[in-house]
C-alpha atoms as a PDB file:
ATOM      1  CA  MET A   1    -165.229  19.211 105.641  1.00  0.00           C
ATOM      2  CA  ALA A   2    -163.496  22.420 104.992  1.00  0.00           C
ATOM      3  CA  THR A   3    -159.777  21.520 105.967  1.00  0.00           C
ATOM      4  CA  ASP A   4    -160.030  18.673 103.310  1.00  0.00           C
ATOM      5  CA  VAL A   5    -160.839  21.253 100.453  1.00  0.00           C
ATOM      6  CA  THR A   6    -158.228  23.030 101.431  1.00  0.00           C
ATOM      7  CA  THR A   7    -155.538  20.452 101.753  1.00  0.00           C
ATOM      8  CA  GLN A   8    -156.587  19.715  98.477  1.00  0.00           C
ATOM      9  CA  ASP A   9    -155.865  22.896  96.928  1.00  0.00           C
ATOM     10  CA  GLN A  10    -152.481  23.340  97.828  1.00  0.00           C
ATOM     11  CA  ALA A  11    -151.302  19.529  97.477  1.00  0.00           C
ATOM     12  CA  ALA A  12    -152.926  20.635  93.908  1.00  0.00           C
ATOM     13  CA  ALA A  13    -150.811  23.863  93.926  1.00  0.00           C
ATOM     14  CA  GLU A  14    -147.962  21.777  94.777  1.00  0.00           C
ATOM     15  CA  ALA A  15    -148.553  18.840  92.005  1.00  0.00           C
ATOM     16  CA  SER A  16    -148.567  21.710  89.018  1.00  0.00           C
ATOM     17  CA  ARG A  17    -145.599  23.819  90.516  1.00  0.00           C
ATOM     18  CA  ASN A  18    -143.971  20.827  89.537  1.00  0.00           C
ATOM     19  CA  LEU A  19    -144.896  20.127  86.317  1.00  0.00           C
ATOM     20  CA  ARG A  20    -142.086  23.051  84.758  1.00  0.00           C
ATOM     21  CA  LYS A  21    -139.961  21.835  82.025  1.00  0.00           C
ATOM     22  CA  GLU A  22    -136.206  21.197  82.957  1.00  0.00           C
ATOM     23  CA  ILE A  23    -133.676  21.916  79.996  1.00  0.00           C
ATOM     24  CA  THR A  24    -129.957  20.960  80.296  1.00  0.00           C
ATOM     25  CA  GLY A  25    -127.845  23.532  78.264  1.00  0.00           C
ATOM     26  CA  LYS A  26    -124.361  25.324  77.885  1.00  0.00           C
ATOM     27  CA  VAL A  27    -124.179  28.965  78.754  1.00  0.00           C
ATOM     28  CA  THR A  28    -123.158  31.212  75.482  1.00  0.00           C
ATOM     29  CA  SER A  29    -123.351  34.799  77.158  1.00  0.00           C
ATOM     30  CA  SER A  30    -123.055  36.101  80.667  1.00  0.00           C
ATOM     31  CA  LYS A  31    -122.402  39.601  80.027  1.00  0.00           C
ATOM     32  CA  MET A  32    -125.864  40.445  80.957  1.00  0.00           C
ATOM     33  CA  ASP A  33    -126.742  41.849  84.429  1.00  0.00           C
ATOM     34  CA  LYS A  34    -128.580  38.744  86.427  1.00  0.00           C
ATOM     35  CA  SER A  35    -129.158  37.211  82.989  1.00  0.00           C
ATOM     36  CA  ILE A  36    -127.601  34.485  80.704  1.00  0.00           C
ATOM     37  CA  THR A  37    -127.970  32.973  77.501  1.00  0.00           C
ATOM     38  CA  VAL A  38    -128.778  29.174  77.129  1.00  0.00           C
ATOM     39  CA  ALA A  39    -128.094  26.995  74.258  1.00  0.00           C
ATOM     40  CA  VAL A  40    -129.722  23.927  73.818  1.00  0.00           C
ATOM     41  CA  VAL A  41    -128.435  21.482  71.025  1.00  0.00           C
ATOM     42  CA  GLN A  42    -130.777  18.927  70.010  1.00  0.00           C
ATOM     43  CA  LYS A  43    -130.195  16.144  67.628  1.00  0.00           C
ATOM     44  CA  GLN A  44    -132.960  15.010  65.502  1.00  0.00           C
ATOM     45  CA  LYS A  45    -133.436  12.292  62.572  1.00  0.00           C
ATOM     46  CA  HIS A  46    -134.779  13.485  59.435  1.00  0.00           C
ATOM     47  CA  PRO A  47    -137.949  11.391  58.451  1.00  0.00           C
ATOM     48  CA  LEU A  48    -137.011  10.236  55.236  1.00  0.00           C
ATOM     49  CA  TYR A  49    -133.226  10.822  54.568  1.00  0.00           C
ATOM     50  CA  GLY A  50    -132.447   9.202  58.133  1.00  0.00           C
ATOM     51  CA  LYS A  51    -129.673  11.981  58.694  1.00  0.00           C
ATOM     52  CA  PHE A  52    -129.113  13.130  61.573  1.00  0.00           C
ATOM     53  CA  ILE A  53    -129.509  17.022  62.097  1.00  0.00           C
ATOM     54  CA  THR A  54    -128.364  19.228  65.281  1.00  0.00           C
ATOM     55  CA  LYS A  55    -130.767  22.187  66.240  1.00  0.00           C
ATOM     56  CA  THR A  56    -129.523  24.689  68.342  1.00  0.00           C
ATOM     57  CA  THR A  57    -132.359  26.606  70.335  1.00  0.00           C
ATOM     58  CA  LYS A  58    -131.298  29.927  72.359  1.00  0.00           C
ATOM     59  CA  PHE A  59    -132.967  30.308  76.098  1.00  0.00           C
ATOM     60  CA  HIS A  60    -132.567  33.603  77.844  1.00  0.00           C
ATOM     61  CA  ALA A  61    -133.072  32.992  81.704  1.00  0.00           C
ATOM     62  CA  HIS A  62    -132.644  34.414  85.232  1.00  0.00           C
ATOM     63  CA  ASP A  63    -129.560  34.239  86.954  1.00  0.00           C
ATOM     64  CA  GLU A  64    -129.683  36.233  90.043  1.00  0.00           C
ATOM     65  CA  ASN A  65    -126.057  35.843  91.500  1.00  0.00           C
ATOM     66  CA  ASN A  66    -124.321  36.578  88.211  1.00  0.00           C
ATOM     67  CA  GLU A  67    -122.887  32.764  89.525  1.00  0.00           C
ATOM     68  CA  CYS A  68    -122.517  31.250  85.496  1.00  0.00           C
ATOM     69  CA  GLY A  69    -119.858  31.839  83.340  1.00  0.00           C
ATOM     70  CA  GLU A  70    -119.916  30.990  79.814  1.00  0.00           C
ATOM     71  CA  GLY A  71    -118.931  27.538  78.547  1.00  0.00           C
ATOM     72  CA  ASP A  72    -120.967  26.155  82.451  1.00  0.00           C
ATOM     73  CA  THR A  73    -123.267  23.333  82.230  1.00  0.00           C
ATOM     74  CA  VAL A  74    -126.585  24.494  83.791  1.00  0.00           C
ATOM     75  CA  LEU A  75    -129.949  23.215  84.545  1.00  0.00           C
ATOM     76  CA  ILE A  76    -132.757  25.613  83.695  1.00  0.00           C
ATOM     77  CA  MET A  77    -136.243  25.791  84.845  1.00  0.00           C
ATOM     78  CA  SER A  78    -139.497  27.644  83.114  1.00  0.00           C
ATOM     79  CA  THR A  79    -141.103  30.383  85.096  1.00  0.00           C
ATOM     80  CA  ARG A  80    -143.551  33.441  84.926  1.00  0.00           C
ATOM     81  CA  PRO A  81    -142.243  35.697  82.376  1.00  0.00           C
ATOM     82  CA  LEU A  82    -139.667  38.192  84.060  1.00  0.00           C
ATOM     83  CA  SER A  83    -139.242  40.438  80.782  1.00  0.00           C
ATOM     84  CA  LYS A  84    -139.701  40.615  77.246  1.00  0.00           C
ATOM     85  CA  THR A  85    -137.368  37.777  76.688  1.00  0.00           C
ATOM     86  CA  LYS A  86    -136.693  35.897  79.902  1.00  0.00           C
ATOM     87  CA  ARG A  87    -139.373  32.714  80.291  1.00  0.00           C
ATOM     88  CA  TRP A  88    -136.808  30.206  82.103  1.00  0.00           C
ATOM     89  CA  ARG A  89    -134.351  30.792  85.383  1.00  0.00           C
ATOM     90  CA  LEU A  90    -131.140  28.925  86.580  1.00  0.00           C
ATOM     91  CA  VAL A  91    -132.080  25.766  88.702  1.00  0.00           C
ATOM     92  CA  GLU A  92    -128.167  24.866  89.304  1.00  0.00           C
ATOM     93  CA  ILE A  93    -124.135  24.887  87.651  1.00  0.00           C
ATOM     94  CA  ILE A  94    -123.914  21.055  86.617  1.00  0.00           C
ATOM     95  CA  GLU A  95    -120.175  21.731  85.193  1.00  0.00           C
ATOM     96  CA  ARG A  96    -118.622  24.503  85.516  1.00  0.00           C
ATOM     97  CA  ALA A  97    -116.169  25.622  82.066  1.00  0.00           C
ATOM     98  CA  LYS A  98    -112.998  24.600  82.264  1.00  0.00           C
END
């Protein structure tokens, strides 16, 4: 019976780890050591006038191998706080800048 409980706990831990947010954005700065700044652009429709408004949010992400460059399109995932501003980490580079 004890093995059933531990396997359920492990399955719950793995499931909660898969619920992390993933965002696609464009690298705007890679000048820091092991860190990048990613800009995420969202288009929202104004509730009254119907005009589409562009909103940009910047996130600081951890880049362990310093492999990103400015202009790259990347996928980042939320993680535990790594520093004062870094709450995201690099998952993969979707497209390199030309």
